[in-house]
Every structure is written in C-alpha cells, then in structure tokens.
C-alpha cells in the first residue's frame, strides 16, 4: 500500500474529526489535558493500519479506536497507585533502614551499576518478544491484554513469554549470585 494513500486517509480523518475527537476525549477523561495525547494515539493507530481502504465506516472505526483508548486510559488510572508526596506518606510506609535522599556511596553506586549491567546482559539473551513482555509488564505496568495488543499475540502467549523471561532471569542472575535475586 503506498504511503501517500495512508497519508491522504490520515489527513482527511484528522481534518474532519480532529476537534470532535478532542471533545470526545475531554468528555471521557478525568484530566482534559490528556485529550490531545489521546487524539495523537488514535492517529498513530490509524497510521499502523496496513489496509485502511478496507474500512467500511471510517468514522465508526475512528470512534471505536477512541473509545478503546479512553477505556485503556481509565484502566491505567485505576490500576496505578496515586502519586503521594513523601511528606504525606505515613511513616510506616517509608523504608526504615534507608534514607531515600542520602547520596549514594561510591560502593553502592558501583554495585547498582554492576547489577544493571548484569540485568541488561540477561535481558539481551531473551527473544525480542519475551524481552518486550517483561519490560512492558514490569517496568511500564502494562496488562497482559495491552502487551498482547502491542505485539499482536494472545494473552496466553504473553503469560508464556513472561514466564519464560522470568525463569531465565532468575536462573541467570541467581546462578551468578549463588541464589535467587529479585528482578525489579
């Protein structure tokens, strides 16, 4: 499919539905400031289409994508804990044995750099899909369903890749340390 056709399709959709789509997100998201980003996400998803000419009802398809993005955004807000300032956090919730603002000693900085390097080496040993599943799930907090959508695989395959990746990391990092190490 020629890129010019995609570009024309996307330009037409943006000119016809840009403002209504923005209002759509403003009315459905708790933070209206996120609406322009969500509109951009709609356009990105449209841009990823291989055959936009097969869409029978572009407007309905556009708003279906928008509704899915709004739902995903609401789910992210529900599943992620609220940000709490350290001053507002109860004392028992903070680590008792460490000062989070203390400067790292050269020894601890070297140990952390070494751990990070070992973890990166172990992650590079994974297949690209297993690595993506692990990073998106553990670092970015994506759900199995979101990861599956990004990779075009089922949630069961996401679980399989995550299981393989975690086992690999525990095996490799645990063998180096003489025991299991927690993968963050």
N, C-alpha and C. Protein backbone atom coordinates (compact mmCIF):
# COMPACT_ATOMS: atom_id res chain seq x y z
N UNK A 1 0.85 -1.18 0.00
CA UNK A 1 0.00 0.00 0.00
C UNK A 1 0.89 1.23 0.00
N UNK A 2 0.73 2.14 -0.93
CA UNK A 2 1.56 3.34 -0.99
C UNK A 2 1.34 4.23 0.23
N UNK A 3 2.41 4.82 0.69
CA UNK A 3 2.34 5.69 1.86
C UNK A 3 1.46 6.91 1.59
N UNK A 4 1.43 7.39 0.36
CA UNK A 4 0.65 8.58 0.05
C UNK A 4 -0.84 8.34 0.31
N UNK A 5 -1.32 7.13 0.06
CA UNK A 5 -2.71 6.81 0.31
C UNK A 5 -3.00 6.87 1.81
N UNK A 6 -2.09 6.32 2.60
CA UNK A 6 -2.24 6.38 4.06
C UNK A 6 -2.23 7.82 4.54
N UNK A 7 -1.30 8.60 3.99
CA UNK A 7 -1.19 10.00 4.39
C UNK A 7 -2.48 10.75 4.06
N UNK A 8 -3.02 10.54 2.89
CA UNK A 8 -4.27 11.19 2.49
C UNK A 8 -5.41 10.76 3.41
N UNK A 9 -5.48 9.47 3.71
CA UNK A 9 -6.52 8.95 4.60
C UNK A 9 -6.41 9.60 5.98
N UNK A 10 -5.20 9.63 6.53
CA UNK A 10 -4.99 10.19 7.86
C UNK A 10 -5.28 11.69 7.89
N UNK A 11 -4.85 12.41 6.87
CA UNK A 11 -5.10 13.85 6.79
C UNK A 11 -6.59 14.14 6.72
N UNK A 12 -7.30 13.36 5.93
CA UNK A 12 -8.75 13.52 5.82
C UNK A 12 -9.43 13.26 7.16
N UNK A 13 -9.04 12.18 7.81
CA UNK A 13 -9.64 11.84 9.11
C UNK A 13 -9.36 12.94 10.14
N UNK A 14 -8.13 13.46 10.14
CA UNK A 14 -7.77 14.50 11.11
C UNK A 14 -8.53 15.79 10.85
N UNK A 15 -8.67 16.17 9.59
CA UNK A 15 -9.36 17.42 9.30
C UNK A 15 -10.86 17.33 9.58
N UNK A 16 -11.46 16.17 9.30
CA UNK A 16 -12.89 16.02 9.52
C UNK A 16 -13.25 15.77 10.98
N UNK A 17 -12.39 15.06 11.69
CA UNK A 17 -12.77 14.58 13.03
C UNK A 17 -11.85 15.05 14.15
N UNK A 18 -10.88 15.92 13.86
CA UNK A 18 -9.92 16.36 14.87
C UNK A 18 -10.57 16.98 16.10
N UNK A 19 -11.35 18.03 15.88
CA UNK A 19 -11.99 18.73 17.01
C UNK A 19 -13.05 17.87 17.70
N UNK A 20 -13.93 17.20 16.95
CA UNK A 20 -14.90 16.35 17.64
C UNK A 20 -14.22 15.23 18.45
N UNK A 21 -13.11 14.72 17.93
CA UNK A 21 -12.39 13.67 18.65
C UNK A 21 -11.79 14.23 19.94
N UNK A 22 -11.28 15.45 19.88
CA UNK A 22 -10.74 16.11 21.08
C UNK A 22 -11.85 16.28 22.12
N UNK A 23 -13.02 16.73 21.69
CA UNK A 23 -14.15 16.88 22.62
C UNK A 23 -14.57 15.53 23.19
N UNK A 24 -14.52 14.50 22.36
CA UNK A 24 -14.84 13.14 22.79
C UNK A 24 -13.97 12.74 23.98
N UNK A 25 -12.66 12.98 23.87
CA UNK A 25 -11.75 12.60 24.96
C UNK A 25 -11.91 13.50 26.17
N UNK A 26 -12.12 14.79 25.95
CA UNK A 26 -12.30 15.71 27.08
C UNK A 26 -13.50 15.28 27.92
N UNK A 27 -14.55 14.80 27.26
CA UNK A 27 -15.76 14.41 27.99
C UNK A 27 -15.60 13.06 28.69
N UNK A 28 -14.60 12.29 28.33
CA UNK A 28 -14.47 10.94 28.88
C UNK A 28 -13.27 10.73 29.80
N UNK A 29 -12.36 11.68 29.84
CA UNK A 29 -11.16 11.52 30.66
C UNK A 29 -11.23 12.45 31.87
N UNK A 30 -10.71 11.99 33.01
CA UNK A 30 -10.72 12.85 34.19
C UNK A 30 -9.80 14.07 34.05
N UNK A 31 -8.76 13.96 33.25
CA UNK A 31 -7.83 15.06 33.04
C UNK A 31 -7.90 15.49 31.58
N UNK A 32 -8.53 16.63 31.34
CA UNK A 32 -8.72 17.11 29.96
C UNK A 32 -7.39 17.40 29.28
N UNK A 33 -6.34 17.63 30.04
CA UNK A 33 -5.03 17.92 29.46
C UNK A 33 -4.47 16.71 28.70
N UNK A 34 -4.98 15.53 28.98
CA UNK A 34 -4.50 14.32 28.30
C UNK A 34 -5.19 14.10 26.95
N UNK A 35 -6.24 14.84 26.69
CA UNK A 35 -7.03 14.64 25.46
C UNK A 35 -6.20 14.77 24.18
N UNK A 36 -5.35 15.80 24.03
CA UNK A 36 -4.57 15.88 22.78
C UNK A 36 -3.65 14.67 22.59
N UNK A 37 -3.09 14.15 23.67
CA UNK A 37 -2.24 12.96 23.56
C UNK A 37 -3.05 11.75 23.11
N UNK A 38 -4.27 11.65 23.60
CA UNK A 38 -5.12 10.53 23.22
C UNK A 38 -5.52 10.63 21.74
N UNK A 39 -5.76 11.86 21.27
CA UNK A 39 -6.07 12.05 19.85
C UNK A 39 -4.88 11.60 19.01
N UNK A 40 -3.69 11.96 19.44
CA UNK A 40 -2.48 11.53 18.72
C UNK A 40 -2.36 10.01 18.71
N UNK A 41 -2.74 9.37 19.80
CA UNK A 41 -2.70 7.90 19.86
C UNK A 41 -3.67 7.30 18.83
N UNK A 42 -4.82 7.92 18.67
CA UNK A 42 -5.78 7.46 17.65
C UNK A 42 -5.12 7.52 16.28
N UNK A 43 -4.47 8.66 15.99
CA UNK A 43 -3.83 8.81 14.68
C UNK A 43 -2.69 7.82 14.49
N UNK A 44 -1.95 7.55 15.56
CA UNK A 44 -0.88 6.55 15.46
C UNK A 44 -1.43 5.17 15.13
N UNK A 45 -2.53 4.83 15.76
CA UNK A 45 -3.13 3.52 15.49
C UNK A 45 -3.67 3.46 14.06
N UNK A 46 -4.21 4.56 13.59
CA UNK A 46 -4.67 4.59 12.20
C UNK A 46 -3.48 4.46 11.24
N UNK A 47 -2.39 5.09 11.60
CA UNK A 47 -1.20 5.05 10.75
C UNK A 47 -0.63 3.64 10.66
N UNK A 48 -0.82 2.85 11.69
CA UNK A 48 -0.30 1.48 11.69
C UNK A 48 -1.13 0.51 10.84
N UNK A 49 -2.28 0.96 10.39
CA UNK A 49 -3.13 0.09 9.58
C UNK A 49 -2.43 -0.28 8.28
N UNK A 50 -2.52 -1.53 7.91
CA UNK A 50 -1.93 -1.97 6.64
C UNK A 50 -2.85 -1.67 5.46
N UNK A 51 -4.14 -1.80 5.67
CA UNK A 51 -5.10 -1.62 4.57
C UNK A 51 -6.27 -0.75 5.02
N UNK A 52 -6.06 0.56 5.18
CA UNK A 52 -7.17 1.41 5.60
C UNK A 52 -8.30 1.46 4.58
N UNK A 53 -8.02 1.08 3.35
CA UNK A 53 -9.05 1.11 2.31
C UNK A 53 -10.12 0.05 2.54
N UNK A 54 -9.86 -0.91 3.43
CA UNK A 54 -10.84 -1.96 3.72
C UNK A 54 -11.86 -1.54 4.78
N UNK A 55 -11.64 -0.41 5.41
CA UNK A 55 -12.55 0.06 6.45
C UNK A 55 -13.85 0.53 5.80
N UNK A 56 -14.96 -0.08 6.19
CA UNK A 56 -16.25 0.25 5.57
C UNK A 56 -16.83 1.56 6.11
N UNK A 57 -16.63 1.80 7.40
CA UNK A 57 -17.15 3.02 8.00
C UNK A 57 -16.02 3.69 8.79
N UNK A 58 -15.26 4.56 8.14
CA UNK A 58 -14.10 5.17 8.80
C UNK A 58 -14.44 5.93 10.08
N UNK A 59 -15.56 6.64 10.09
CA UNK A 59 -15.92 7.40 11.28
C UNK A 59 -16.22 6.47 12.45
N UNK A 60 -16.97 5.41 12.21
CA UNK A 60 -17.27 4.45 13.28
C UNK A 60 -15.99 3.77 13.76
N UNK A 61 -15.11 3.45 12.83
CA UNK A 61 -13.84 2.82 13.19
C UNK A 61 -13.00 3.76 14.05
N UNK A 62 -12.96 5.03 13.66
CA UNK A 62 -12.21 6.05 14.39
C UNK A 62 -12.70 6.15 15.83
N UNK A 63 -14.01 6.22 16.02
CA UNK A 63 -14.55 6.37 17.36
C UNK A 63 -14.48 5.07 18.17
N UNK A 64 -14.44 3.95 17.50
CA UNK A 64 -14.20 2.68 18.21
C UNK A 64 -12.79 2.67 18.77
N UNK A 65 -11.84 3.11 17.96
CA UNK A 65 -10.45 3.22 18.44
C UNK A 65 -10.39 4.19 19.61
N UNK A 66 -11.04 5.34 19.47
CA UNK A 66 -11.03 6.36 20.52
C UNK A 66 -11.65 5.83 21.82
N UNK A 67 -12.75 5.11 21.71
CA UNK A 67 -13.40 4.55 22.91
C UNK A 67 -12.47 3.54 23.58
N UNK A 68 -11.78 2.73 22.79
CA UNK A 68 -10.84 1.76 23.36
C UNK A 68 -9.69 2.46 24.07
N UNK A 69 -9.18 3.51 23.48
CA UNK A 69 -8.08 4.25 24.10
C UNK A 69 -8.54 4.91 25.39
N UNK A 70 -9.73 5.50 25.39
CA UNK A 70 -10.26 6.11 26.61
C UNK A 70 -10.42 5.07 27.71
N UNK A 71 -10.92 3.88 27.35
CA UNK A 71 -11.08 2.81 28.33
C UNK A 71 -9.72 2.36 28.87
N UNK A 72 -8.74 2.21 27.98
CA UNK A 72 -7.39 1.82 28.41
C UNK A 72 -6.81 2.86 29.37
N UNK A 73 -7.03 4.13 29.07
CA UNK A 73 -6.51 5.19 29.92
C UNK A 73 -7.17 5.16 31.30
N UNK A 74 -8.48 4.94 31.34
CA UNK A 74 -9.18 4.85 32.63
C UNK A 74 -8.67 3.65 33.43
N UNK A 75 -8.44 2.54 32.76
CA UNK A 75 -7.93 1.34 33.45
C UNK A 75 -6.54 1.60 34.02
N UNK A 76 -5.71 2.30 33.27
CA UNK A 76 -4.37 2.62 33.78
C UNK A 76 -4.47 3.46 35.05
N UNK A 77 -5.39 4.41 35.05
CA UNK A 77 -5.55 5.27 36.23
C UNK A 77 -6.04 4.48 37.43
N UNK A 78 -6.89 3.49 37.18
CA UNK A 78 -7.43 2.68 38.28
C UNK A 78 -6.38 1.72 38.82
N UNK A 79 -5.58 1.13 37.93
CA UNK A 79 -4.63 0.11 38.38
C UNK A 79 -3.34 0.70 38.93
N UNK A 80 -3.00 1.92 38.55
CA UNK A 80 -1.79 2.53 39.07
C UNK A 80 -2.11 3.26 40.37
N UNK A 81 -1.24 3.11 41.37
CA UNK A 81 -1.49 3.82 42.63
C UNK A 81 -1.32 5.33 42.43
N UNK A 82 -2.05 6.06 43.21
CA UNK A 82 -1.95 7.52 43.13
C UNK A 82 -0.57 7.95 43.60
N UNK A 83 -0.08 9.06 43.04
CA UNK A 83 1.20 9.60 43.47
C UNK A 83 0.99 10.29 44.82
N UNK A 84 1.84 9.95 45.77
CA UNK A 84 1.73 10.53 47.10
C UNK A 84 3.06 11.20 47.42
N UNK A 85 3.00 12.44 47.86
CA UNK A 85 4.22 13.13 48.24
C UNK A 85 4.80 12.43 49.46
N UNK A 86 6.13 12.40 49.56
CA UNK A 86 6.78 11.72 50.69
C UNK A 86 6.37 12.34 52.02
N UNK A 87 6.13 13.65 52.01
CA UNK A 87 5.71 14.30 53.26
C UNK A 87 4.34 13.82 53.71
N UNK A 88 3.49 13.41 52.76
CA UNK A 88 2.14 12.96 53.08
C UNK A 88 2.06 11.47 53.38
N UNK A 89 3.11 10.73 53.06
CA UNK A 89 3.10 9.28 53.26
C UNK A 89 3.25 8.96 54.74
N UNK A 90 2.51 7.96 55.23
CA UNK A 90 2.68 7.58 56.62
C UNK A 90 4.09 7.05 56.85
N UNK A 91 4.62 7.31 58.04
CA UNK A 91 6.00 6.93 58.36
C UNK A 91 6.23 5.43 58.19
N UNK A 92 5.22 4.60 58.52
CA UNK A 92 5.39 3.15 58.41
C UNK A 92 5.48 2.68 56.96
N UNK A 93 5.05 3.52 56.02
CA UNK A 93 5.11 3.14 54.61
C UNK A 93 6.49 3.40 54.01
N UNK A 94 7.29 4.22 54.69
CA UNK A 94 8.62 4.52 54.19
C UNK A 94 9.63 3.51 54.72
N UNK A 95 10.69 3.22 53.97
CA UNK A 95 11.71 2.29 54.46
C UNK A 95 12.39 2.87 55.70
N UNK A 96 12.51 2.04 56.69
CA UNK A 96 13.07 2.49 57.96
C UNK A 96 14.60 2.50 57.94
N UNK A 97 15.21 1.62 57.17
CA UNK A 97 16.65 1.46 57.24
C UNK A 97 17.42 2.27 56.22
N UNK A 98 16.73 3.01 55.36
CA UNK A 98 17.44 3.79 54.35
C UNK A 98 16.87 5.19 54.28
N UNK A 99 17.72 6.11 53.92
CA UNK A 99 17.30 7.49 53.67
C UNK A 99 17.20 7.65 52.17
N UNK A 100 15.99 7.82 51.61
CA UNK A 100 15.86 7.86 50.17
C UNK A 100 16.60 9.02 49.52
N UNK A 101 16.94 10.04 50.30
CA UNK A 101 17.60 11.21 49.73
C UNK A 101 19.09 11.25 50.03
N UNK A 102 19.59 10.22 50.72
CA UNK A 102 21.01 10.18 51.03
C UNK A 102 21.79 9.95 49.74
N UNK A 103 22.94 10.59 49.67
CA UNK A 103 23.79 10.41 48.49
C UNK A 103 24.31 8.98 48.48
N UNK A 104 24.33 8.40 47.31
CA UNK A 104 24.82 7.03 47.18
C UNK A 104 26.32 7.02 47.42
N UNK A 105 26.76 6.02 48.16
CA UNK A 105 28.19 5.87 48.37
C UNK A 105 28.80 5.35 47.07
N UNK A 106 30.05 5.56 46.86
CA UNK A 106 30.68 5.04 45.64
C UNK A 106 30.52 3.52 45.52
N UNK A 107 30.57 2.82 46.67
CA UNK A 107 30.43 1.37 46.64
C UNK A 107 29.03 0.96 46.20
N UNK A 108 28.01 1.62 46.76
CA UNK A 108 26.64 1.25 46.39
C UNK A 108 26.35 1.65 44.95
N UNK A 109 26.89 2.76 44.50
CA UNK A 109 26.70 3.18 43.10
C UNK A 109 27.34 2.16 42.16
N UNK A 110 28.53 1.66 42.53
CA UNK A 110 29.22 0.66 41.70
C UNK A 110 28.43 -0.65 41.68
N UNK A 111 27.90 -1.04 42.85
CA UNK A 111 27.10 -2.27 42.91
C UNK A 111 25.84 -2.15 42.07
N UNK A 112 25.18 -1.00 42.16
CA UNK A 112 23.97 -0.79 41.37
C UNK A 112 24.29 -0.78 39.88
N UNK A 113 25.38 -0.16 39.48
CA UNK A 113 25.77 -0.15 38.07
C UNK A 113 26.08 -1.56 37.59
N UNK A 114 26.73 -2.34 38.44
CA UNK A 114 27.05 -3.73 38.09
C UNK A 114 25.78 -4.56 37.94
N UNK A 115 24.83 -4.39 38.87
CA UNK A 115 23.55 -5.11 38.78
C UNK A 115 22.81 -4.75 37.50
N UNK A 116 22.80 -3.47 37.19
CA UNK A 116 22.11 -3.01 35.99
C UNK A 116 22.76 -3.61 34.74
N UNK A 117 24.06 -3.63 34.70
CA UNK A 117 24.77 -4.20 33.55
C UNK A 117 24.48 -5.69 33.42
N UNK A 118 24.47 -6.43 34.54
CA UNK A 118 24.16 -7.87 34.50
C UNK A 118 22.73 -8.09 34.02
N UNK A 119 21.81 -7.27 34.53
CA UNK A 119 20.41 -7.41 34.13
C UNK A 119 20.25 -7.14 32.64
N UNK A 120 20.91 -6.10 32.14
CA UNK A 120 20.82 -5.79 30.71
C UNK A 120 21.39 -6.93 29.87
N UNK A 121 22.47 -7.54 30.33
CA UNK A 121 23.05 -8.66 29.60
C UNK A 121 22.08 -9.83 29.56
N UNK A 122 21.45 -10.13 30.69
CA UNK A 122 20.49 -11.23 30.76
C UNK A 122 19.27 -10.93 29.90
N UNK A 123 18.80 -9.69 29.92
CA UNK A 123 17.64 -9.32 29.10
C UNK A 123 17.94 -9.45 27.61
N UNK A 124 19.15 -9.15 27.21
CA UNK A 124 19.51 -9.24 25.79
C UNK A 124 19.59 -10.69 25.33
N UNK A 125 19.66 -11.64 26.26
CA UNK A 125 19.67 -13.05 25.90
C UNK A 125 18.27 -13.56 25.57
N UNK A 126 17.26 -12.80 25.94
CA UNK A 126 15.87 -13.20 25.69
C UNK A 126 15.48 -12.91 24.25
N UNK A 127 14.45 -13.59 23.78
CA UNK A 127 13.90 -13.27 22.46
C UNK A 127 13.30 -11.87 22.54
N UNK A 128 13.19 -11.18 21.41
CA UNK A 128 12.63 -9.82 21.44
C UNK A 128 11.23 -9.75 22.04
N UNK A 129 10.38 -10.73 21.76
CA UNK A 129 9.02 -10.70 22.30
C UNK A 129 9.01 -10.96 23.80
N UNK A 130 9.84 -11.90 24.26
CA UNK A 130 9.90 -12.18 25.70
C UNK A 130 10.45 -10.96 26.44
N UNK A 131 11.47 -10.33 25.87
CA UNK A 131 12.06 -9.14 26.50
C UNK A 131 11.03 -8.02 26.54
N UNK A 132 10.30 -7.81 25.44
CA UNK A 132 9.30 -6.75 25.41
C UNK A 132 8.20 -7.01 26.45
N UNK A 133 7.75 -8.26 26.54
CA UNK A 133 6.72 -8.61 27.52
C UNK A 133 7.19 -8.29 28.93
N UNK A 134 8.40 -8.70 29.25
CA UNK A 134 8.92 -8.49 30.60
C UNK A 134 9.07 -7.01 30.92
N UNK A 135 9.67 -6.28 30.00
CA UNK A 135 9.91 -4.85 30.25
C UNK A 135 8.59 -4.09 30.33
N UNK A 136 7.69 -4.34 29.39
CA UNK A 136 6.42 -3.61 29.40
C UNK A 136 5.59 -3.95 30.63
N UNK A 137 5.66 -5.18 31.08
CA UNK A 137 4.86 -5.57 32.24
C UNK A 137 5.49 -5.07 33.54
N UNK A 138 6.78 -5.33 33.73
CA UNK A 138 7.43 -4.99 34.99
C UNK A 138 7.78 -3.51 35.12
N UNK A 139 8.31 -2.92 34.05
CA UNK A 139 8.73 -1.53 34.12
C UNK A 139 7.58 -0.57 33.88
N UNK A 140 6.77 -0.86 32.83
CA UNK A 140 5.73 0.08 32.42
C UNK A 140 4.36 -0.22 33.02
N UNK A 141 4.21 -1.40 33.63
CA UNK A 141 2.95 -1.73 34.27
C UNK A 141 1.81 -2.06 33.31
N UNK A 142 2.13 -2.45 32.09
CA UNK A 142 1.08 -2.80 31.14
C UNK A 142 0.45 -4.14 31.51
N UNK A 143 -0.81 -4.28 31.18
CA UNK A 143 -1.52 -5.54 31.43
C UNK A 143 -1.18 -6.54 30.34
N UNK A 144 -1.53 -7.80 30.57
CA UNK A 144 -1.32 -8.83 29.56
C UNK A 144 -2.04 -8.47 28.27
N UNK A 145 -3.24 -7.95 28.43
CA UNK A 145 -4.05 -7.61 27.26
C UNK A 145 -3.40 -6.49 26.46
N UNK A 146 -2.88 -5.46 27.15
CA UNK A 146 -2.23 -4.35 26.46
C UNK A 146 -0.96 -4.82 25.73
N UNK A 147 -0.21 -5.69 26.39
CA UNK A 147 1.01 -6.22 25.78
C UNK A 147 0.65 -7.06 24.55
N UNK A 148 -0.36 -7.89 24.71
CA UNK A 148 -0.80 -8.72 23.59
C UNK A 148 -1.23 -7.88 22.40
N UNK A 149 -1.92 -6.78 22.68
CA UNK A 149 -2.36 -5.90 21.59
C UNK A 149 -1.17 -5.27 20.89
N UNK A 150 -0.17 -4.86 21.67
CA UNK A 150 1.02 -4.25 21.07
C UNK A 150 1.79 -5.23 20.20
N UNK A 151 1.87 -6.47 20.66
CA UNK A 151 2.66 -7.47 19.95
C UNK A 151 1.84 -8.29 18.95
N UNK A 152 0.53 -8.15 19.01
CA UNK A 152 -0.33 -8.92 18.12
C UNK A 152 -0.38 -10.39 18.49
N UNK A 153 -0.35 -10.67 19.81
CA UNK A 153 -0.39 -12.05 20.30
C UNK A 153 -1.47 -12.17 21.36
N UNK A 154 -1.83 -13.41 21.71
CA UNK A 154 -2.87 -13.64 22.73
C UNK A 154 -2.31 -13.39 24.13
N UNK A 155 -3.22 -13.20 25.08
CA UNK A 155 -2.78 -13.01 26.47
C UNK A 155 -2.11 -14.28 26.99
N UNK A 156 -2.53 -15.43 26.51
CA UNK A 156 -1.85 -16.67 26.93
C UNK A 156 -0.40 -16.69 26.47
N UNK A 157 -0.14 -16.19 25.26
CA UNK A 157 1.25 -16.12 24.79
C UNK A 157 2.04 -15.11 25.60
N UNK A 158 1.39 -14.00 25.99
CA UNK A 158 2.06 -13.01 26.84
C UNK A 158 2.48 -13.68 28.15
N UNK A 159 1.56 -14.45 28.75
CA UNK A 159 1.87 -15.15 30.00
C UNK A 159 3.03 -16.12 29.81
N UNK A 160 3.04 -16.81 28.68
CA UNK A 160 4.10 -17.78 28.40
C UNK A 160 5.44 -17.06 28.27
N UNK A 161 5.46 -15.97 27.49
CA UNK A 161 6.70 -15.21 27.33
C UNK A 161 7.19 -14.65 28.67
N UNK A 162 6.26 -14.13 29.48
CA UNK A 162 6.65 -13.60 30.78
C UNK A 162 7.22 -14.68 31.68
N UNK A 163 6.58 -15.83 31.68
CA UNK A 163 7.06 -16.94 32.48
C UNK A 163 8.46 -17.36 32.06
N UNK A 164 8.67 -17.49 30.74
CA UNK A 164 9.99 -17.86 30.23
C UNK A 164 11.03 -16.80 30.59
N UNK A 165 10.67 -15.54 30.43
CA UNK A 165 11.61 -14.45 30.71
C UNK A 165 11.97 -14.41 32.19
N UNK A 166 10.98 -14.54 33.06
CA UNK A 166 11.25 -14.51 34.49
C UNK A 166 12.12 -15.70 34.91
N UNK A 167 11.81 -16.88 34.39
CA UNK A 167 12.60 -18.06 34.73
C UNK A 167 14.04 -17.88 34.26
N UNK A 168 14.21 -17.34 33.07
CA UNK A 168 15.55 -17.12 32.53
C UNK A 168 16.32 -16.13 33.41
N UNK A 169 15.68 -15.02 33.76
CA UNK A 169 16.34 -14.01 34.60
C UNK A 169 16.71 -14.57 35.97
N UNK A 170 15.77 -15.27 36.59
CA UNK A 170 16.06 -15.86 37.90
C UNK A 170 17.19 -16.87 37.82
N UNK A 171 17.17 -17.67 36.77
CA UNK A 171 18.21 -18.68 36.61
C UNK A 171 19.58 -18.02 36.41
N UNK A 172 19.66 -17.07 35.49
CA UNK A 172 20.95 -16.45 35.17
C UNK A 172 21.46 -15.58 36.32
N UNK A 173 20.59 -14.75 36.86
CA UNK A 173 21.02 -13.86 37.94
C UNK A 173 21.24 -14.62 39.23
N UNK A 174 20.41 -15.64 39.47
CA UNK A 174 20.59 -16.46 40.67
C UNK A 174 21.87 -17.26 40.62
N UNK A 175 22.25 -17.76 39.43
CA UNK A 175 23.48 -18.54 39.29
C UNK A 175 24.70 -17.67 39.56
N UNK A 176 24.65 -16.41 39.15
CA UNK A 176 25.78 -15.51 39.38
C UNK A 176 25.93 -15.15 40.84
N UNK A 177 24.81 -15.07 41.55
CA UNK A 177 24.82 -14.64 42.94
C UNK A 177 24.89 -15.79 43.94
N UNK A 178 24.73 -17.00 43.45
CA UNK A 178 24.70 -18.12 44.37
C UNK A 178 23.33 -18.32 44.97
N UNK A 179 22.33 -17.69 44.41
CA UNK A 179 20.97 -17.80 44.91
C UNK A 179 20.06 -16.91 44.09
N UNK A 180 18.76 -16.98 44.31
CA UNK A 180 17.84 -16.17 43.50
C UNK A 180 17.95 -14.70 43.85
N UNK A 181 17.84 -13.87 42.84
CA UNK A 181 17.84 -12.43 43.02
C UNK A 181 16.51 -11.89 42.52
N UNK A 182 15.96 -10.92 43.21
CA UNK A 182 14.68 -10.36 42.78
C UNK A 182 14.91 -9.49 41.57
N UNK A 183 14.09 -9.73 40.52
CA UNK A 183 14.14 -8.92 39.31
C UNK A 183 13.11 -7.84 39.43
N UNK A 184 13.54 -6.59 39.38
CA UNK A 184 12.61 -5.47 39.53
C UNK A 184 12.09 -5.00 38.21
